Every structure is written in structure tokens, then in C-alpha cells.
Protein backbone atom coordinates (compact mmCIF):
# COMPACT_ATOMS: atom_id res chain seq x y z
CA MET A 1 -0.03 -0.04 -0.03
CA THR A 2 1.19 3.22 -1.24
CA THR A 3 0.74 6.73 0.32
CA THR A 4 1.58 10.28 -1.08
CA THR A 5 2.86 12.85 1.15
CA ALA A 6 2.27 16.52 0.87
CA ASP A 7 5.82 17.18 0.07
CA SER A 8 5.62 15.01 -3.15
CA THR A 9 2.23 16.94 -4.09
CA THR A 10 3.90 20.35 -3.81
CA GLU A 11 7.47 19.27 -5.22
CA HIS A 12 6.21 20.07 -8.76
CA GLU A 13 4.34 23.02 -8.19
CA GLU A 14 5.63 26.13 -10.10
CA PRO A 15 7.37 28.97 -8.32
CA PRO A 16 4.76 32.20 -7.92
CA MET A 17 5.08 34.59 -10.89
CA THR A 18 6.61 37.94 -10.08
CA THR A 19 5.89 41.19 -11.90
CA THR A 20 8.23 44.18 -12.25
CA GLU A 21 6.52 47.66 -12.81
CA VAL A 22 8.60 49.97 -15.29
CA PRO A 23 7.68 53.43 -14.97
CA LEU A 24 6.27 55.36 -17.99
CA PRO A 25 8.32 58.41 -19.31
CA PRO A 26 6.64 61.67 -18.55
CA ALA A 27 4.11 62.88 -20.85
CA HIS A 28 5.87 65.96 -22.22
CA GLU A 29 9.05 63.69 -22.96
CA ALA A 30 6.90 61.38 -24.92
CA THR A 31 5.27 64.07 -26.91
CA SER A 32 8.58 65.70 -27.83
CA THR A 33 10.11 62.30 -28.96
CA THR A 34 7.13 61.45 -30.96
CA GLY A 35 7.28 64.92 -32.71
CA ALA A 36 10.83 64.33 -33.86
CA ARG A 37 10.39 61.22 -35.26
CA PRO A 38 9.04 62.17 -38.88
CA ALA A 39 12.08 64.49 -39.16
CA GLY A 40 14.66 61.88 -38.05
CA ARG A 41 12.97 59.26 -40.40
CA LEU A 42 13.07 61.79 -43.34
CA ALA A 43 16.79 62.57 -42.54
CA ALA A 44 17.79 58.95 -42.42
CA VAL A 45 16.01 58.06 -45.72
CA LEU A 46 17.40 61.22 -47.22
CA ARG A 47 20.99 60.27 -46.03
CA SER A 48 20.53 56.72 -47.72
CA GLU A 49 19.00 58.08 -50.97
CA ARG A 50 21.87 60.35 -51.23
CA ILE A 51 24.43 57.52 -50.76
CA LYS A 52 22.61 55.26 -53.12
CA SER A 53 22.53 58.03 -55.80
CA THR A 54 26.25 58.87 -55.62
CA THR A 55 27.05 55.19 -56.13
CA VAL A 56 24.82 54.53 -59.04
CA ARG A 57 27.23 54.29 -62.45
CA ALA A 58 24.38 55.84 -64.47
CA ASN A 59 24.09 58.97 -62.81
CA LYS A 60 27.73 59.52 -63.25
CA VAL A 61 27.37 58.82 -67.01
CA LEU A 62 24.43 61.17 -67.26
CA LEU A 63 26.25 63.95 -65.59
CA ALA A 64 29.42 63.51 -68.07
CA VAL A 65 26.96 63.30 -70.96
CA SER A 66 25.38 66.44 -69.83
CA ALA A 67 28.55 68.10 -69.87
CA ILE A 68 29.65 66.82 -73.27
CA ILE A 69 26.44 67.82 -74.68
CA GLY A 70 26.59 71.34 -73.38
CA LEU A 71 30.13 71.82 -74.57
CA LEU A 72 29.66 70.57 -78.11
CA THR A 73 26.12 71.89 -78.86
CA SER A 74 27.14 75.52 -77.85
CA TRP A 75 30.60 75.21 -79.77
CA ALA A 76 29.05 73.87 -82.92
CA THR A 77 26.30 76.54 -82.79
CA ALA A 78 28.91 79.31 -82.29
CA THR A 79 31.00 77.95 -84.92
CA PHE A 80 28.74 76.88 -87.83
CA VAL A 81 25.98 79.38 -87.34
CA THR A 82 27.19 82.27 -89.32
CA ASP A 83 24.06 83.84 -90.47
CA GLU A 84 23.28 85.45 -87.16
CA ALA A 85 24.89 87.71 -84.70
CA LEU A 86 25.10 85.26 -81.50
CA THR A 87 26.80 85.86 -78.43
CA ALA A 88 27.76 83.33 -75.65
CA THR A 89 24.61 84.67 -73.41
CA ASP A 90 22.39 83.70 -76.21
CA VAL A 91 23.99 80.24 -77.16
CA PHE A 92 24.88 79.03 -73.53
CA VAL A 93 21.04 77.84 -73.00
CA TYR A 94 20.67 76.12 -76.02
CA PRO A 95 21.57 72.64 -74.68
CA THR A 96 19.24 72.87 -71.89
CA LEU A 97 16.54 70.84 -73.81
CA LEU A 98 18.86 67.90 -74.06
CA THR A 99 19.76 68.37 -70.34
CA ALA A 100 16.20 68.25 -69.43
CA VAL A 101 15.70 64.87 -71.17
CA LEU A 102 18.77 63.56 -69.36
CA ALA A 103 17.41 64.98 -66.04
CA ALA A 104 14.26 63.05 -66.63
CA ILE A 105 16.04 59.82 -67.41
CA ALA A 106 18.02 60.41 -64.17
CA GLY A 107 14.67 60.68 -62.30
CA ILE A 108 13.47 57.55 -63.76
CA VAL A 109 16.55 55.36 -62.92
CA LEU A 110 16.82 56.81 -59.49
CA PHE A 111 13.43 54.83 -58.72
CA THR A 112 13.63 51.92 -61.39
CA SER A 113 17.13 50.74 -60.47
CA GLU A 114 16.20 50.10 -56.90
CA VAL A 115 13.25 47.93 -58.30
CA HIS A 116 15.56 46.10 -60.78
CA HIS A 117 18.17 45.39 -58.10
CA GLY A 118 15.65 44.35 -55.50
CA THR A 119 16.58 47.00 -52.71
CA LEU A 120 13.31 48.73 -52.82
CA ALA A 121 11.56 46.24 -50.72
CA GLY A 122 14.16 46.67 -48.02
CA SER A 123 13.58 50.52 -47.99
CA LEU A 124 9.66 50.24 -48.03
CA THR A 125 10.20 47.62 -45.08
CA ALA A 126 11.97 49.86 -42.87
CA HIS A 127 9.61 52.56 -43.71
CA PRO A 128 6.16 51.02 -43.66
CA SER A 129 4.38 54.38 -44.25
CA ARG A 130 6.34 54.96 -47.61
CA TRP A 131 5.98 58.55 -47.43
CA PRO A 132 9.55 59.39 -46.15
CA VAL A 133 10.95 57.11 -49.13
CA VAL A 134 8.73 59.27 -51.83
CA ALA A 135 9.77 62.68 -50.13
CA ALA A 136 13.46 61.71 -49.99
CA LYS A 137 13.52 60.52 -53.36
CA THR A 138 11.79 63.80 -54.75
CA LEU A 139 14.48 65.86 -52.97
CA VAL A 140 17.21 63.91 -54.52
CA ALA A 141 15.67 63.95 -57.79
CA ALA A 142 15.26 67.50 -57.72
CA GLY A 143 18.90 68.26 -56.38
CA PHE A 144 20.22 65.97 -59.36
CA GLY A 145 18.19 67.98 -61.85
CA LEU A 146 19.48 71.18 -60.41
CA LEU A 147 23.06 69.76 -60.78
CA LEU A 148 22.53 68.76 -64.19
CA GLY A 149 21.25 72.08 -65.44
CA VAL A 150 24.09 73.85 -63.73
CA VAL A 151 26.60 71.62 -65.63
CA GLY A 152 24.92 71.91 -68.96
CA MET A 153 24.65 75.68 -68.98
CA ALA A 154 28.05 76.27 -67.50
CA THR A 155 29.66 73.95 -70.08
CA GLY A 156 27.39 75.63 -72.91
CA PHE A 157 28.67 78.92 -72.01
CA VAL A 158 32.36 77.62 -72.09
CA GLY A 159 31.67 75.96 -75.43
CA ALA A 160 30.42 79.25 -76.73
CA LEU A 161 33.23 80.92 -75.86
CA ALA A 162 35.57 78.34 -77.40
CA GLY A 163 33.61 78.69 -80.69
CA GLY A 164 34.71 82.23 -81.00
CA ILE A 165 32.07 84.45 -80.15
CA GLY A 166 31.72 87.35 -77.64
CA VAL A 167 30.25 87.23 -74.34
CA GLY A 168 27.35 89.63 -74.92
CA ASP A 169 24.77 91.41 -72.80
CA THR A 170 24.52 89.89 -69.29
CA SER A 171 21.72 91.70 -67.79
CA GLY A 172 19.21 89.04 -68.47
CA VAL A 173 21.70 85.88 -67.70
CA MET A 174 20.41 85.09 -64.47
CA THR A 175 16.74 85.25 -65.26
CA THR A 176 17.53 82.81 -68.09
CA VAL A 177 19.66 80.43 -65.70
CA LEU A 178 16.63 80.44 -63.13
CA TRP A 179 14.15 79.41 -65.91
CA GLY A 180 16.60 76.77 -67.22
CA LEU A 181 17.27 75.38 -63.69
CA LEU A 182 13.54 75.29 -62.97
CA TYR A 183 13.05 73.41 -66.32
CA THR A 184 15.72 70.72 -65.64
CA VAL A 185 14.39 70.34 -61.90
CA GLY A 186 11.08 69.75 -63.17
CA SER A 187 12.12 67.43 -65.78
CA ALA A 188 13.98 65.12 -63.19
CA LEU A 189 10.92 65.11 -61.04
CA LEU A 190 8.57 64.19 -63.84
CA GLY A 191 11.03 61.40 -64.64
CA LEU A 192 10.64 60.18 -61.04
CA GLY A 193 7.10 60.11 -61.30
CA VAL A 194 7.08 58.15 -64.65
CA GLY A 195 9.61 55.78 -63.05
CA MET A 196 7.27 55.19 -60.05
CA VAL A 197 4.35 54.57 -62.28
CA VAL A 198 6.05 52.14 -64.71
CA ARG A 199 8.62 50.76 -62.41
CA HIS A 200 10.77 49.18 -65.35
CA SER A 201 13.89 51.36 -66.60
CA ALA A 202 13.73 50.30 -70.11
CA GLY A 203 10.14 51.04 -70.62
CA ALA A 204 10.11 54.20 -68.84
CA VAL A 205 13.10 55.67 -70.56
CA SER A 206 11.97 54.44 -74.20
CA GLY A 207 8.60 56.10 -73.44
CA VAL A 208 10.08 59.24 -72.67
CA LEU A 209 12.53 59.28 -75.52
CA VAL A 210 9.57 58.07 -78.04
CA TRP A 211 7.51 60.83 -76.74
CA TRP A 212 10.05 63.68 -76.91
CA LEU A 213 11.54 62.57 -80.17
CA VAL A 214 8.51 61.41 -82.13
CA VAL A 215 5.42 62.41 -80.60
CA GLU A 216 6.26 66.05 -79.51
CA SER A 217 7.85 66.72 -82.60
CA LEU A 218 4.80 65.55 -84.64
CA VAL A 219 2.27 67.39 -82.37
CA VAL A 220 4.40 70.68 -82.63
CA GLN A 221 4.48 70.51 -86.51
CA PHE A 222 0.91 69.59 -87.36
CA ALA A 223 -1.28 70.22 -84.16
CA PRO A 224 -3.02 73.69 -83.72
CA PRO A 225 -1.46 75.95 -81.45
CA GLU A 226 -4.19 75.43 -78.79
CA VAL A 227 -2.75 72.00 -78.60
CA VAL A 228 0.99 72.65 -78.72
CA ARG A 229 0.86 74.62 -75.77
CA PHE A 230 0.06 71.72 -73.64
CA VAL A 231 3.07 69.56 -74.79
CA PRO A 232 5.22 68.80 -71.76
CA PHE A 233 8.91 69.17 -72.83
CA ASP A 234 8.28 71.79 -75.46
CA THR A 235 6.03 74.08 -73.20
CA GLY A 236 9.02 73.71 -70.51
CA PHE A 237 11.51 74.55 -73.09
CA ARG A 238 9.75 77.67 -74.31
CA THR A 239 10.13 79.42 -70.86
CA LEU A 240 13.77 79.94 -71.87
CA GLY A 241 12.59 82.44 -74.59
CA ILE A 242 14.61 80.65 -77.44
CA GLU A 243 13.26 81.22 -81.08
CA SER A 244 13.69 78.12 -83.44
CA ASP A 245 13.70 78.00 -86.96
CA PHE A 246 11.51 74.93 -86.73
CA ASP A 247 8.67 76.78 -84.97
CA VAL A 248 5.56 76.84 -86.90
CA PRO A 249 4.75 80.59 -87.14
CA GLU A 250 1.21 80.06 -86.01
CA VAL A 251 2.51 78.42 -82.87
CA ALA A 252 5.22 81.01 -82.26
CA ALA A 253 2.60 83.90 -82.61
CA ALA A 254 0.29 82.08 -80.09
CA GLY A 255 2.98 81.83 -77.47
CA LEU A 256 2.11 82.22 -73.78
CA SER A 257 4.00 84.17 -71.17
CA ASN A 258 7.00 82.33 -69.16
CA PRO A 259 4.88 81.93 -66.03
CA LEU A 260 1.94 80.27 -67.82
CA HIS A 261 4.30 78.02 -69.82
CA ALA A 262 6.00 77.05 -66.49
CA SER A 263 2.59 76.54 -64.93
CA ILE A 264 1.49 74.19 -67.61
CA PHE A 265 4.83 72.29 -67.45
CA TRP A 266 4.69 72.01 -63.62
CA GLY A 267 1.15 70.90 -63.79
CA TYR A 268 2.48 67.69 -65.46
CA VAL A 269 5.40 67.31 -62.97
CA VAL A 270 2.86 67.49 -59.74
CA ALA A 271 0.44 65.08 -61.52
CA ALA A 272 3.25 62.52 -62.34
CA LEU A 273 4.70 62.74 -58.82
CA ALA A 274 0.85 62.51 -57.20
CA LEU A 275 0.13 59.39 -59.28
CA GLY A 276 3.56 57.66 -58.67
CA ALA A 277 3.39 58.44 -55.12
CA ALA A 278 -0.24 56.90 -54.72
CA MET A 279 1.05 53.98 -56.80
CA LEU A 280 3.85 53.44 -54.38
CA VAL A 281 2.05 53.62 -51.50
CA ARG A 282 -0.82 51.21 -52.44
CA ARG A 283 1.50 48.48 -54.32
CA ASP A 284 3.12 45.85 -52.87
CA ALA A 285 7.01 46.34 -52.47
CA ASP A 286 7.89 43.95 -55.33
């Protein structure tokens, strides 16, 4: 006959659970920390985007191409156009249309390269709200568009002087430079918006080039002036005040003021960015 003792019954009982109370931070400290988080997240993402943009080989190539195009275009214009009295202050802005297209390509690659290499998912996972990523890429794209514009116009001025023409009247140069930079920055942001929508480098870049080289050229030559004024790249280029021999007289006569041209162009920029940001927020990371 076996018996169980009280000791054997209580031998397997678990020790009593203990709790530790951790004091919460004061209300004012929690509020200040929470208020600093968005700025801190944006700064961290911006630093990451800046590092990535400086390591992408395509951006270095685009910067070099912008310098070469600015130099050669202005030099060739100053050297071979002899039927007009041109000066460097007239010619230096001529390469800006090509620079703007390069800026649009840079904006596309800024986003699509991450999709291609699979690094976008990590960025979006680290920032689930995704808005800091959109804001950081917008700032980086605008900065690179600004850099391309400065390089293109600076080398354009040097190329014009190398072609043997004089400096000319410099009173309106700063205004022209500001319009040119506004154009290249907007082009980079437009490209970023297109890249966020398409998410494929070859498709987005090909679409921009076909639109610029084929569609806009046909529209400018054959469409009524009321339609031509709403063509994105051509409308932005008209803010520079450059007269072209290829302009249809009716289109040139129906030209708008620079602020109106800029408003139309930037309407496309804002629309592309808004659509791209909305699709980035709603889409899966892959």
C-alpha cells in the first residue's frame, strides 16, 4: 500500500510569478520624442538615398554626357551658325532641352534601379508608411536635376566662348539661368513620377525618348497652337525664350508668357509625382 505525502504533491508546483513595474516616461517627454520622429526618419532616408544616388554608375554617366552635350552643342552653334549675330549669353542655354531629357532619365533611374536590383523592398520594409521614401527621392531627384542644369549651362557657356563668339549682354543671364534650372529640376521630378508608375527602366526611358523625339515633334509641327502649348517638354523649353527656325509661325505667334508656360509644365510634374506616389503607397513592395 502506497501513500502520497504533501511534500511529493507540492514538489512539482511552479514558483509564484513575479512582476516588475516599469515607470512610463513623463507625458512631455513622450510628446517631444514622437514629434521628432518624422524629421528623423526623413533625414535617415534622405541620407540613404543620397548615398545610393552617388554610387549608381548611370548618374555619373548622365552627368558626364550633360557636360559633353553642353560643350559640343554650344561650340558647334557658335562655330557653324554664321548668319546670325550670336553671343555666348544667347547660346549657352541652347543645350538645356537635351539636359532636361537627361534629367528626366535620371529621375526614372533613381527609382527603377532599386526595383531592378531588389533594394526597394528593404527600404519600404524599414519605412512602412512609405511617405519618407517618396519625400527623400523627390528631394534627391530635384537636387540631381539642379546639378545637371548647372553643368549643362556652364559647359554651354564655355563651349560658346570656345567657338569664338563674344560674351554679349549679361543683364538677363540670371533670369534665363533660373528658368533653365526650373526646367531641368521639373524634368527630373517628372521622370521620377514616370518611374514610380512604370517601375521598369527600359520601358520608362524608352517611353520618354519616344515621346520627346517622335510624339512631341509631330504635335508641334502639325497640331493647332491650342494643343501645342500643352506639350510637356516643348512647353517647358519655351520658358527659356529661344526662337527656333523649326517653329510653325502660328505656334510662335500664339506663345504664352513664361509663368503660364511654366505652370503648364509643372502641372504635368505635380500630376506625375502624385500618381507615382499614390501607386507606390498602394502597391506591394515587389
